[in-house]
Amino acid sequence: MRFAVVMRKQAIDNPWITHRWTPVEVFADLGQFEESGVAITTPNPLGSFVERDTEGETWLFRGFELDLFPDEAEGYFLNATAAEPCWFVMWRLEEDFHRFLEPSSVAECGDEVNLAIPHRICLSYNEAARLIDGGESVDTVVLDKTHWQWLHEYVEAHYRPEPKKRQRPASFKGAQRTADE
């Protein structure tokens, strides 16, 4: 299944930084964005400029493949049963961002030094934790009801909790004695 990510560059009132990047939406990419005539032929996402307003600017990145794997079922379970299930979007500030953009959107970058490019989406808490442990920037986007249902059905079919192993109390293990005592 293919997906698209909307990234937002939001102006903020801060003496040290002028803006921050956040993913704001993840949705199914059913080919509705290919009207630009640029097909995705690389494993990289392909971004296009959407709009600029007084608060910031919005970019759309398409071309994200998402496959669910049985060995990640526990991570999907943790997400599907969370109070607020979500997408995990891993993104990086890229200096060489032009290779990730449609040619028509490159001019919209102006004198930008870097651009936030999403590189991966996932639904597993465990996978997101591994990405964060590896030093990646990972943000969340609320999971819509349709995709939550899809995830929930996958968890129902593939997740089997490991049986709990009873820990024997130390007092019942006995003393460690040598044979000649």
N, C-alpha and C. Protein backbone atom coordinates (compact mmCIF):
# COMPACT_ATOMS: atom_id res chain seq x y z
N MET A 1 0.84 -1.16 0.00
CA MET A 1 0.00 0.00 0.00
C MET A 1 0.90 1.24 0.00
N ARG A 2 0.53 2.23 -0.78
CA ARG A 2 1.31 3.47 -0.88
C ARG A 2 0.65 4.59 -0.08
N PHE A 3 1.52 5.44 0.45
CA PHE A 3 1.05 6.55 1.28
C PHE A 3 1.77 7.84 0.93
N ALA A 4 1.16 8.95 1.35
CA ALA A 4 1.75 10.28 1.19
C ALA A 4 1.78 10.95 2.56
N VAL A 5 2.76 11.84 2.73
CA VAL A 5 2.94 12.56 4.00
C VAL A 5 2.92 14.06 3.71
N VAL A 6 2.20 14.81 4.53
CA VAL A 6 2.20 16.26 4.44
C VAL A 6 3.08 16.78 5.56
N MET A 7 4.10 17.58 5.18
CA MET A 7 5.00 18.22 6.15
C MET A 7 4.68 19.71 6.19
N ARG A 8 4.75 20.27 7.38
CA ARG A 8 4.45 21.69 7.57
C ARG A 8 5.64 22.39 8.21
N LYS A 9 6.07 23.47 7.58
CA LYS A 9 7.10 24.35 8.14
C LYS A 9 6.33 25.48 8.81
N GLN A 10 6.35 25.48 10.14
CA GLN A 10 5.54 26.41 10.92
C GLN A 10 6.43 27.48 11.54
N ALA A 11 6.10 28.74 11.32
CA ALA A 11 6.83 29.84 11.95
C ALA A 11 6.55 29.82 13.45
N ILE A 12 7.59 30.08 14.25
CA ILE A 12 7.41 30.14 15.69
C ILE A 12 8.11 31.37 16.25
N ASP A 13 7.59 31.84 17.36
CA ASP A 13 8.15 33.02 18.02
C ASP A 13 9.20 32.55 19.02
N ASN A 14 10.46 32.57 18.58
CA ASN A 14 11.56 32.08 19.40
C ASN A 14 12.81 32.85 19.02
N PRO A 15 13.59 33.29 19.98
CA PRO A 15 14.79 34.07 19.64
C PRO A 15 15.90 33.26 18.98
N TRP A 16 15.87 31.92 19.08
CA TRP A 16 16.95 31.10 18.54
C TRP A 16 16.61 30.43 17.22
N ILE A 17 15.35 30.09 17.00
CA ILE A 17 14.95 29.48 15.74
C ILE A 17 13.71 30.17 15.20
N THR A 18 13.57 30.19 13.88
CA THR A 18 12.46 30.90 13.25
C THR A 18 11.27 30.01 12.93
N HIS A 19 11.51 28.69 12.82
CA HIS A 19 10.44 27.78 12.43
C HIS A 19 10.74 26.36 12.94
N ARG A 20 9.72 25.51 12.81
CA ARG A 20 9.91 24.09 13.11
C ARG A 20 9.14 23.29 12.07
N TRP A 21 9.62 22.09 11.82
CA TRP A 21 8.98 21.19 10.86
C TRP A 21 8.22 20.12 11.62
N THR A 22 7.03 19.79 11.13
CA THR A 22 6.25 18.70 11.70
C THR A 22 5.44 18.01 10.61
N PRO A 23 5.29 16.70 10.70
CA PRO A 23 4.34 16.03 9.80
C PRO A 23 2.93 16.30 10.31
N VAL A 24 2.01 16.57 9.41
CA VAL A 24 0.65 16.89 9.85
C VAL A 24 -0.40 15.90 9.38
N GLU A 25 -0.06 15.11 8.36
CA GLU A 25 -1.05 14.16 7.85
C GLU A 25 -0.36 13.04 7.08
N VAL A 26 -0.91 11.84 7.22
CA VAL A 26 -0.50 10.68 6.42
C VAL A 26 -1.78 10.10 5.85
N PHE A 27 -1.79 9.86 4.54
CA PHE A 27 -2.99 9.29 3.93
C PHE A 27 -2.62 8.43 2.73
N ALA A 28 -3.59 7.63 2.30
CA ALA A 28 -3.37 6.71 1.19
C ALA A 28 -3.07 7.48 -0.10
N ASP A 29 -2.06 7.02 -0.81
CA ASP A 29 -1.70 7.58 -2.11
C ASP A 29 -2.23 6.63 -3.17
N LEU A 30 -3.37 6.99 -3.72
CA LEU A 30 -4.04 6.15 -4.71
C LEU A 30 -3.76 6.60 -6.13
N GLY A 31 -2.70 7.39 -6.29
CA GLY A 31 -2.35 7.91 -7.61
C GLY A 31 -2.94 9.26 -7.90
N GLN A 32 -3.62 9.86 -6.93
CA GLN A 32 -4.29 11.14 -7.16
C GLN A 32 -3.31 12.30 -7.35
N PHE A 33 -2.03 12.10 -7.05
CA PHE A 33 -1.06 13.19 -7.17
C PHE A 33 -0.20 13.07 -8.42
N GLU A 34 -0.42 12.06 -9.23
CA GLU A 34 0.40 11.85 -10.42
C GLU A 34 -0.02 12.74 -11.58
N GLU A 35 -0.99 13.61 -11.36
CA GLU A 35 -1.42 14.53 -12.40
C GLU A 35 -0.31 15.50 -12.79
N SER A 36 0.69 15.64 -11.89
CA SER A 36 1.81 16.53 -12.19
C SER A 36 2.66 15.94 -13.31
N GLY A 37 2.42 14.68 -13.64
CA GLY A 37 3.16 14.06 -14.73
C GLY A 37 4.48 13.46 -14.31
N VAL A 38 4.82 13.54 -13.05
CA VAL A 38 6.08 13.00 -12.57
C VAL A 38 5.79 11.71 -11.82
N ALA A 39 6.20 10.60 -12.39
CA ALA A 39 6.02 9.32 -11.74
C ALA A 39 7.22 9.03 -10.85
N ILE A 40 6.98 8.29 -9.80
CA ILE A 40 8.07 7.94 -8.89
C ILE A 40 8.81 6.75 -9.45
N THR A 41 10.09 6.95 -9.74
CA THR A 41 10.90 5.87 -10.30
C THR A 41 12.08 5.52 -9.40
N THR A 42 12.21 6.19 -8.27
CA THR A 42 13.30 5.91 -7.34
C THR A 42 12.72 5.44 -6.02
N PRO A 43 13.55 4.86 -5.16
CA PRO A 43 13.04 4.45 -3.84
C PRO A 43 12.84 5.64 -2.91
N ASN A 44 13.26 6.82 -3.32
CA ASN A 44 13.12 8.01 -2.48
C ASN A 44 11.72 8.59 -2.60
N PRO A 45 11.27 9.29 -1.55
CA PRO A 45 9.99 9.99 -1.68
C PRO A 45 10.13 11.13 -2.68
N LEU A 46 9.03 11.58 -3.19
CA LEU A 46 9.04 12.69 -4.14
C LEU A 46 8.14 13.79 -3.58
N GLY A 47 8.71 14.98 -3.40
CA GLY A 47 7.99 16.07 -2.76
C GLY A 47 7.55 17.14 -3.73
N SER A 48 6.47 17.80 -3.35
CA SER A 48 6.00 18.93 -4.14
C SER A 48 5.48 20.01 -3.19
N PHE A 49 5.69 21.25 -3.61
CA PHE A 49 5.24 22.40 -2.84
C PHE A 49 3.72 22.50 -2.94
N VAL A 50 3.06 22.78 -1.81
CA VAL A 50 1.61 22.88 -1.80
C VAL A 50 1.17 24.34 -1.66
N GLU A 51 1.60 25.00 -0.56
CA GLU A 51 1.18 26.38 -0.35
C GLU A 51 2.11 27.08 0.65
N ARG A 52 2.07 28.39 0.59
CA ARG A 52 2.79 29.23 1.55
C ARG A 52 1.79 30.26 2.08
N ASP A 53 1.79 30.47 3.38
CA ASP A 53 0.93 31.48 3.99
C ASP A 53 1.74 32.26 5.03
N THR A 54 1.08 33.11 5.78
CA THR A 54 1.80 33.94 6.75
C THR A 54 2.37 33.12 7.90
N GLU A 55 1.84 31.94 8.14
CA GLU A 55 2.29 31.09 9.24
C GLU A 55 3.42 30.13 8.84
N GLY A 56 3.60 29.89 7.55
CA GLY A 56 4.62 28.93 7.11
C GLY A 56 4.32 28.38 5.73
N GLU A 57 4.74 27.15 5.51
CA GLU A 57 4.51 26.52 4.20
C GLU A 57 4.25 25.03 4.36
N THR A 58 3.61 24.45 3.34
CA THR A 58 3.21 23.05 3.36
C THR A 58 3.79 22.34 2.15
N TRP A 59 4.29 21.12 2.38
CA TRP A 59 4.87 20.28 1.33
C TRP A 59 4.23 18.90 1.39
N LEU A 60 4.03 18.30 0.22
CA LEU A 60 3.47 16.95 0.11
C LEU A 60 4.55 16.02 -0.41
N PHE A 61 4.75 14.89 0.26
CA PHE A 61 5.71 13.88 -0.17
C PHE A 61 4.96 12.59 -0.40
N ARG A 62 5.15 12.03 -1.57
CA ARG A 62 4.45 10.79 -1.90
C ARG A 62 5.45 9.69 -2.22
N GLY A 63 4.95 8.47 -2.26
CA GLY A 63 5.82 7.35 -2.63
C GLY A 63 6.27 6.49 -1.47
N PHE A 64 5.54 6.50 -0.38
CA PHE A 64 5.92 5.68 0.78
C PHE A 64 5.20 4.34 0.71
N GLU A 65 5.96 3.28 0.68
CA GLU A 65 5.40 1.93 0.72
C GLU A 65 5.33 1.49 2.18
N LEU A 66 4.25 0.84 2.55
CA LEU A 66 4.12 0.32 3.89
C LEU A 66 3.68 -1.13 3.82
N ASP A 67 4.50 -1.98 4.36
CA ASP A 67 4.18 -3.40 4.49
C ASP A 67 4.17 -3.72 5.97
N LEU A 68 3.25 -4.56 6.39
CA LEU A 68 3.20 -5.00 7.78
C LEU A 68 3.85 -6.38 7.86
N PHE A 69 4.61 -6.60 8.94
CA PHE A 69 5.38 -7.84 9.09
C PHE A 69 4.97 -8.55 10.37
N PRO A 70 4.79 -9.87 10.32
CA PRO A 70 4.37 -10.62 11.50
C PRO A 70 5.32 -10.47 12.70
N ASP A 71 6.61 -10.31 12.46
CA ASP A 71 7.53 -10.19 13.59
C ASP A 71 7.47 -8.81 14.26
N GLU A 72 6.72 -7.89 13.71
CA GLU A 72 6.50 -6.58 14.33
C GLU A 72 5.11 -6.50 14.97
N ALA A 73 4.42 -7.63 15.07
CA ALA A 73 3.03 -7.63 15.55
C ALA A 73 2.90 -7.05 16.94
N GLU A 74 3.88 -7.27 17.82
CA GLU A 74 3.78 -6.71 19.17
C GLU A 74 3.78 -5.17 19.12
N GLY A 75 4.64 -4.59 18.28
CA GLY A 75 4.68 -3.14 18.12
C GLY A 75 3.39 -2.60 17.55
N TYR A 76 2.78 -3.33 16.60
CA TYR A 76 1.49 -2.92 16.05
C TYR A 76 0.40 -3.00 17.12
N PHE A 77 0.47 -4.06 17.93
CA PHE A 77 -0.49 -4.23 19.02
C PHE A 77 -0.42 -3.04 19.99
N LEU A 78 0.80 -2.65 20.36
CA LEU A 78 0.97 -1.53 21.28
C LEU A 78 0.37 -0.25 20.70
N ASN A 79 0.51 -0.06 19.39
CA ASN A 79 -0.05 1.12 18.75
C ASN A 79 -1.57 1.02 18.64
N ALA A 80 -2.06 -0.11 18.18
CA ALA A 80 -3.50 -0.27 17.96
C ALA A 80 -4.30 -0.15 19.25
N THR A 81 -3.70 -0.50 20.38
CA THR A 81 -4.41 -0.45 21.65
C THR A 81 -4.08 0.79 22.47
N ALA A 82 -3.30 1.69 21.91
CA ALA A 82 -2.94 2.93 22.62
C ALA A 82 -4.15 3.86 22.72
N ALA A 83 -4.09 4.79 23.65
CA ALA A 83 -5.18 5.76 23.80
C ALA A 83 -5.37 6.56 22.52
N GLU A 84 -4.28 6.87 21.82
CA GLU A 84 -4.35 7.60 20.56
C GLU A 84 -3.41 6.95 19.55
N PRO A 85 -3.90 5.96 18.79
CA PRO A 85 -3.05 5.30 17.79
C PRO A 85 -2.52 6.31 16.78
N CYS A 86 -1.32 6.05 16.27
CA CYS A 86 -0.70 7.05 15.40
C CYS A 86 0.21 6.43 14.34
N TRP A 87 0.51 7.25 13.36
CA TRP A 87 1.57 6.97 12.40
C TRP A 87 2.86 7.47 13.02
N PHE A 88 3.95 6.82 12.71
CA PHE A 88 5.27 7.33 13.09
C PHE A 88 5.96 7.74 11.80
N VAL A 89 6.39 8.99 11.73
CA VAL A 89 7.02 9.54 10.54
C VAL A 89 8.48 9.88 10.88
N MET A 90 9.41 9.20 10.22
CA MET A 90 10.83 9.48 10.41
C MET A 90 11.25 10.44 9.31
N TRP A 91 11.85 11.59 9.72
CA TRP A 91 12.25 12.61 8.75
C TRP A 91 13.62 13.16 9.11
N ARG A 92 14.26 13.76 8.10
CA ARG A 92 15.58 14.37 8.28
C ARG A 92 15.61 15.74 7.62
N LEU A 93 16.39 16.65 8.20
CA LEU A 93 16.67 17.92 7.54
C LEU A 93 17.77 17.64 6.52
N GLU A 94 17.44 17.75 5.26
CA GLU A 94 18.38 17.43 4.18
C GLU A 94 18.94 18.71 3.57
N GLU A 95 20.26 18.74 3.39
CA GLU A 95 20.89 19.86 2.70
C GLU A 95 20.82 19.66 1.18
N ASP A 96 20.90 18.41 0.75
CA ASP A 96 20.82 18.07 -0.67
C ASP A 96 19.38 17.66 -1.00
N PHE A 97 18.44 18.57 -0.70
CA PHE A 97 17.02 18.23 -0.80
C PHE A 97 16.46 18.25 -2.21
N HIS A 98 17.16 18.87 -3.15
CA HIS A 98 16.62 19.00 -4.52
C HIS A 98 16.34 17.65 -5.16
N ARG A 99 17.10 16.63 -4.81
CA ARG A 99 16.89 15.30 -5.42
C ARG A 99 15.60 14.65 -4.94
N PHE A 100 14.98 15.21 -3.89
CA PHE A 100 13.72 14.66 -3.37
C PHE A 100 12.49 15.43 -3.86
N LEU A 101 12.68 16.44 -4.71
CA LEU A 101 11.57 17.30 -5.12
C LEU A 101 11.26 17.16 -6.59
N GLU A 102 9.99 17.39 -6.92
CA GLU A 102 9.59 17.49 -8.32
C GLU A 102 10.27 18.72 -8.89
N PRO A 103 10.68 18.68 -10.15
CA PRO A 103 11.37 19.84 -10.74
C PRO A 103 10.59 21.14 -10.62
N SER A 104 9.28 21.09 -10.72
CA SER A 104 8.48 22.31 -10.64
C SER A 104 8.46 22.93 -9.25
N SER A 105 8.82 22.16 -8.23
CA SER A 105 8.81 22.67 -6.85
C SER A 105 10.15 23.19 -6.38
N VAL A 106 11.20 22.94 -7.11
CA VAL A 106 12.53 23.36 -6.69
C VAL A 106 12.61 24.89 -6.56
N ALA A 107 11.98 25.61 -7.47
CA ALA A 107 12.01 27.07 -7.43
C ALA A 107 11.35 27.63 -6.17
N GLU A 108 10.42 26.90 -5.57
CA GLU A 108 9.71 27.36 -4.37
C GLU A 108 10.60 27.35 -3.12
N CYS A 109 11.76 26.72 -3.21
CA CYS A 109 12.66 26.63 -2.06
C CYS A 109 13.38 27.93 -1.79
N GLY A 110 13.50 28.78 -2.80
CA GLY A 110 14.18 30.06 -2.63
C GLY A 110 15.61 29.86 -2.16
N ASP A 111 15.96 30.50 -1.06
CA ASP A 111 17.32 30.40 -0.54
C ASP A 111 17.42 29.46 0.66
N GLU A 112 16.51 28.50 0.73
CA GLU A 112 16.54 27.53 1.83
C GLU A 112 17.87 26.78 1.84
N VAL A 113 18.39 26.54 3.02
CA VAL A 113 19.63 25.78 3.18
C VAL A 113 19.31 24.30 3.34
N ASN A 114 18.19 24.00 3.99
CA ASN A 114 17.77 22.62 4.15
C ASN A 114 16.25 22.53 4.17
N LEU A 115 15.77 21.31 3.98
CA LEU A 115 14.34 21.06 3.91
C LEU A 115 14.06 19.76 4.65
N ALA A 116 12.96 19.69 5.38
CA ALA A 116 12.60 18.46 6.10
C ALA A 116 12.00 17.47 5.11
N ILE A 117 12.66 16.33 4.99
CA ILE A 117 12.21 15.28 4.07
C ILE A 117 11.83 14.05 4.88
N PRO A 118 10.56 13.61 4.79
CA PRO A 118 10.21 12.34 5.45
C PRO A 118 10.83 11.18 4.67
N HIS A 119 11.38 10.22 5.38
CA HIS A 119 12.03 9.09 4.74
C HIS A 119 11.32 7.76 4.99
N ARG A 120 10.52 7.71 6.03
CA ARG A 120 9.92 6.43 6.38
C ARG A 120 8.67 6.66 7.22
N ILE A 121 7.70 5.79 7.02
CA ILE A 121 6.52 5.77 7.88
C ILE A 121 6.39 4.36 8.45
N CYS A 122 5.86 4.27 9.65
CA CYS A 122 5.62 2.94 10.23
C CYS A 122 4.48 3.03 11.23
N LEU A 123 4.01 1.87 11.65
CA LEU A 123 2.92 1.78 12.61
C LEU A 123 3.32 1.03 13.87
N SER A 124 4.55 0.60 13.96
CA SER A 124 5.03 -0.19 15.09
C SER A 124 5.72 0.69 16.12
N TYR A 125 5.27 0.60 17.36
CA TYR A 125 5.95 1.31 18.46
C TYR A 125 7.40 0.86 18.54
N ASN A 126 7.64 -0.44 18.39
CA ASN A 126 8.99 -0.96 18.53
C ASN A 126 9.91 -0.45 17.44
N GLU A 127 9.43 -0.40 16.21
CA GLU A 127 10.24 0.11 15.10
C GLU A 127 10.54 1.60 15.31
N ALA A 128 9.55 2.36 15.74
CA ALA A 128 9.76 3.79 16.00
C ALA A 128 10.80 3.98 17.10
N ALA A 129 10.74 3.16 18.14
CA ALA A 129 11.71 3.26 19.23
C ALA A 129 13.12 2.95 18.73
N ARG A 130 13.25 1.97 17.85
CA ARG A 130 14.58 1.66 17.28
C ARG A 130 15.11 2.83 16.47
N LEU A 131 14.24 3.48 15.70
CA LEU A 131 14.65 4.64 14.92
C LEU A 131 15.11 5.78 15.83
N ILE A 132 14.36 6.03 16.88
CA ILE A 132 14.73 7.09 17.83
C ILE A 132 16.04 6.75 18.51
N ASP A 133 16.20 5.49 18.92
CA ASP A 133 17.46 5.06 19.55
C ASP A 133 18.64 5.24 18.60
N GLY A 134 18.39 5.16 17.30
CA GLY A 134 19.43 5.35 16.30
C GLY A 134 19.69 6.82 15.98
N GLY A 135 19.01 7.73 16.67
CA GLY A 135 19.25 9.16 16.49
C GLY A 135 18.40 9.84 15.44
N GLU A 136 17.38 9.17 14.93
CA GLU A 136 16.51 9.76 13.91
C GLU A 136 15.43 10.63 14.55
N SER A 137 14.91 11.57 13.78
CA SER A 137 13.77 12.39 14.20
C SER A 137 12.49 11.65 13.82
N VAL A 138 11.68 11.35 14.80
CA VAL A 138 10.42 10.63 14.57
C VAL A 138 9.31 11.41 15.26
N ASP A 139 8.29 11.77 14.49
CA ASP A 139 7.12 12.45 15.03
C ASP A 139 5.89 11.61 14.74
N THR A 140 4.81 11.92 15.44
CA THR A 140 3.58 11.16 15.27
C THR A 140 2.50 11.98 14.60
N VAL A 141 1.62 11.27 13.91
CA VAL A 141 0.42 11.85 13.29
C VAL A 141 -0.73 10.92 13.66
N VAL A 142 -1.83 11.48 14.09
CA VAL A 142 -2.98 10.67 14.52
C VAL A 142 -3.41 9.73 13.39
N LEU A 143 -3.66 8.48 13.74
CA LEU A 143 -4.10 7.46 12.79
C LEU A 143 -5.60 7.57 12.59
N ASP A 144 -6.02 7.71 11.33
CA ASP A 144 -7.46 7.82 11.06
C ASP A 144 -8.16 6.48 11.31
N LYS A 145 -9.47 6.52 11.43
CA LYS A 145 -10.25 5.34 11.79
C LYS A 145 -10.13 4.20 10.78
N THR A 146 -10.08 4.51 9.50
CA THR A 146 -9.97 3.48 8.47
C THR A 146 -8.67 2.71 8.61
N HIS A 147 -7.56 3.43 8.77
CA HIS A 147 -6.27 2.76 8.89
C HIS A 147 -6.11 2.09 10.25
N TRP A 148 -6.75 2.63 11.29
CA TRP A 148 -6.73 1.96 12.58
C TRP A 148 -7.43 0.61 12.47
N GLN A 149 -8.56 0.57 11.77
CA GLN A 149 -9.29 -0.68 11.59
C GLN A 149 -8.43 -1.70 10.85
N TRP A 150 -7.75 -1.25 9.81
CA TRP A 150 -6.86 -2.11 9.03
C TRP A 150 -5.75 -2.66 9.93
N LEU A 151 -5.14 -1.80 10.76
CA LEU A 151 -4.09 -2.22 11.68
C LEU A 151 -4.64 -3.19 12.73
N HIS A 152 -5.81 -2.87 13.26
CA HIS A 152 -6.44 -3.71 14.28
C HIS A 152 -6.70 -5.12 13.73
N GLU A 153 -7.20 -5.21 12.51
CA GLU A 153 -7.46 -6.52 11.89
C GLU A 153 -6.16 -7.30 11.71
N TYR A 154 -5.09 -6.62 11.34
CA TYR A 154 -3.80 -7.27 11.19
C TYR A 154 -3.31 -7.81 12.54
N VAL A 155 -3.45 -7.01 13.59
CA VAL A 155 -3.04 -7.43 14.93
C VAL A 155 -3.85 -8.64 15.37
N GLU A 156 -5.16 -8.62 15.14
CA GLU A 156 -6.02 -9.76 15.51
C GLU A 156 -5.56 -11.05 14.82
N ALA A 157 -5.12 -10.93 13.59
CA ALA A 157 -4.72 -12.11 12.83
C ALA A 157 -3.30 -12.59 13.14
N HIS A 158 -2.41 -11.70 13.57
CA HIS A 158 -1.00 -12.08 13.68
C HIS A 158 -0.37 -11.97 15.06
N TYR A 159 -0.99 -11.27 15.99
CA TYR A 159 -0.33 -11.08 17.28
C TYR A 159 -0.73 -12.17 18.26
N ARG A 160 0.28 -12.83 18.79
CA ARG A 160 0.10 -13.83 19.83
C ARG A 160 1.04 -13.46 20.98
N PRO A 161 0.48 -12.98 22.10
CA PRO A 161 1.36 -12.59 23.21
C PRO A 161 2.17 -13.78 23.71
N GLU A 162 3.39 -13.51 24.10
CA GLU A 162 4.23 -14.58 24.65
C GLU A 162 3.69 -14.93 26.02
N PRO A 163 3.63 -16.25 26.31
CA PRO A 163 3.12 -16.63 27.64
C PRO A 163 4.07 -16.13 28.73
N LYS A 164 3.47 -15.70 29.82
CA LYS A 164 4.28 -15.20 30.93
C LYS A 164 4.94 -16.38 31.63
N LYS A 165 6.20 -16.20 31.96
CA LYS A 165 6.94 -17.23 32.67
C LYS A 165 6.94 -16.86 34.15
N ARG A 166 6.56 -17.81 34.95
CA ARG A 166 6.50 -17.55 36.39
C ARG A 166 7.92 -17.47 36.93
N GLN A 167 8.18 -16.41 37.63
CA GLN A 167 9.47 -16.25 38.29
C GLN A 167 9.39 -16.92 39.66
N ARG A 168 10.27 -17.86 39.85
CA ARG A 168 10.29 -18.56 41.12
C ARG A 168 10.96 -17.66 42.17
N PRO A 169 10.31 -17.43 43.29
CA PRO A 169 10.90 -16.57 44.32
C PRO A 169 12.25 -17.12 44.78
N ALA A 170 13.17 -16.22 45.09
CA ALA A 170 14.52 -16.62 45.50
C ALA A 170 14.49 -17.50 46.75
N SER A 171 13.52 -17.30 47.61
CA SER A 171 13.47 -18.09 48.85
C SER A 171 13.20 -19.57 48.59
N PHE A 172 12.65 -19.92 47.42
CA PHE A 172 12.37 -21.31 47.10
C PHE A 172 13.47 -21.97 46.28
N LYS A 173 14.47 -21.22 45.90
CA LYS A 173 15.53 -21.79 45.07
C LYS A 173 16.53 -22.59 45.92
N GLY A 174 16.53 -22.36 47.20
CA GLY A 174 17.42 -23.11 48.09
C GLY A 174 18.80 -22.49 48.15
N ALA A 175 19.56 -22.92 49.12
CA ALA A 175 20.92 -22.40 49.32
C ALA A 175 21.86 -23.11 48.35
N GLN A 176 22.87 -22.42 47.99
CA GLN A 176 23.90 -23.00 47.13
C GLN A 176 24.93 -23.67 48.05
N ARG A 177 24.95 -25.01 48.10
CA ARG A 177 25.85 -25.74 48.99
C ARG A 177 26.73 -26.68 48.19
N THR A 178 27.91 -26.91 48.71
CA THR A 178 28.81 -27.89 48.08
C THR A 178 28.42 -29.28 48.56
N ALA A 179 28.90 -30.33 47.90
CA ALA A 179 28.54 -31.70 48.21
C ALA A 179 29.05 -32.16 49.58
N ASP A 180 30.18 -31.66 50.09
CA ASP A 180 30.74 -32.14 51.36
C ASP A 180 30.21 -31.39 52.57
N GLU A 181 29.24 -30.56 52.46
CA GLU A 181 28.67 -29.86 53.63
C GLU A 181 27.63 -30.66 54.31
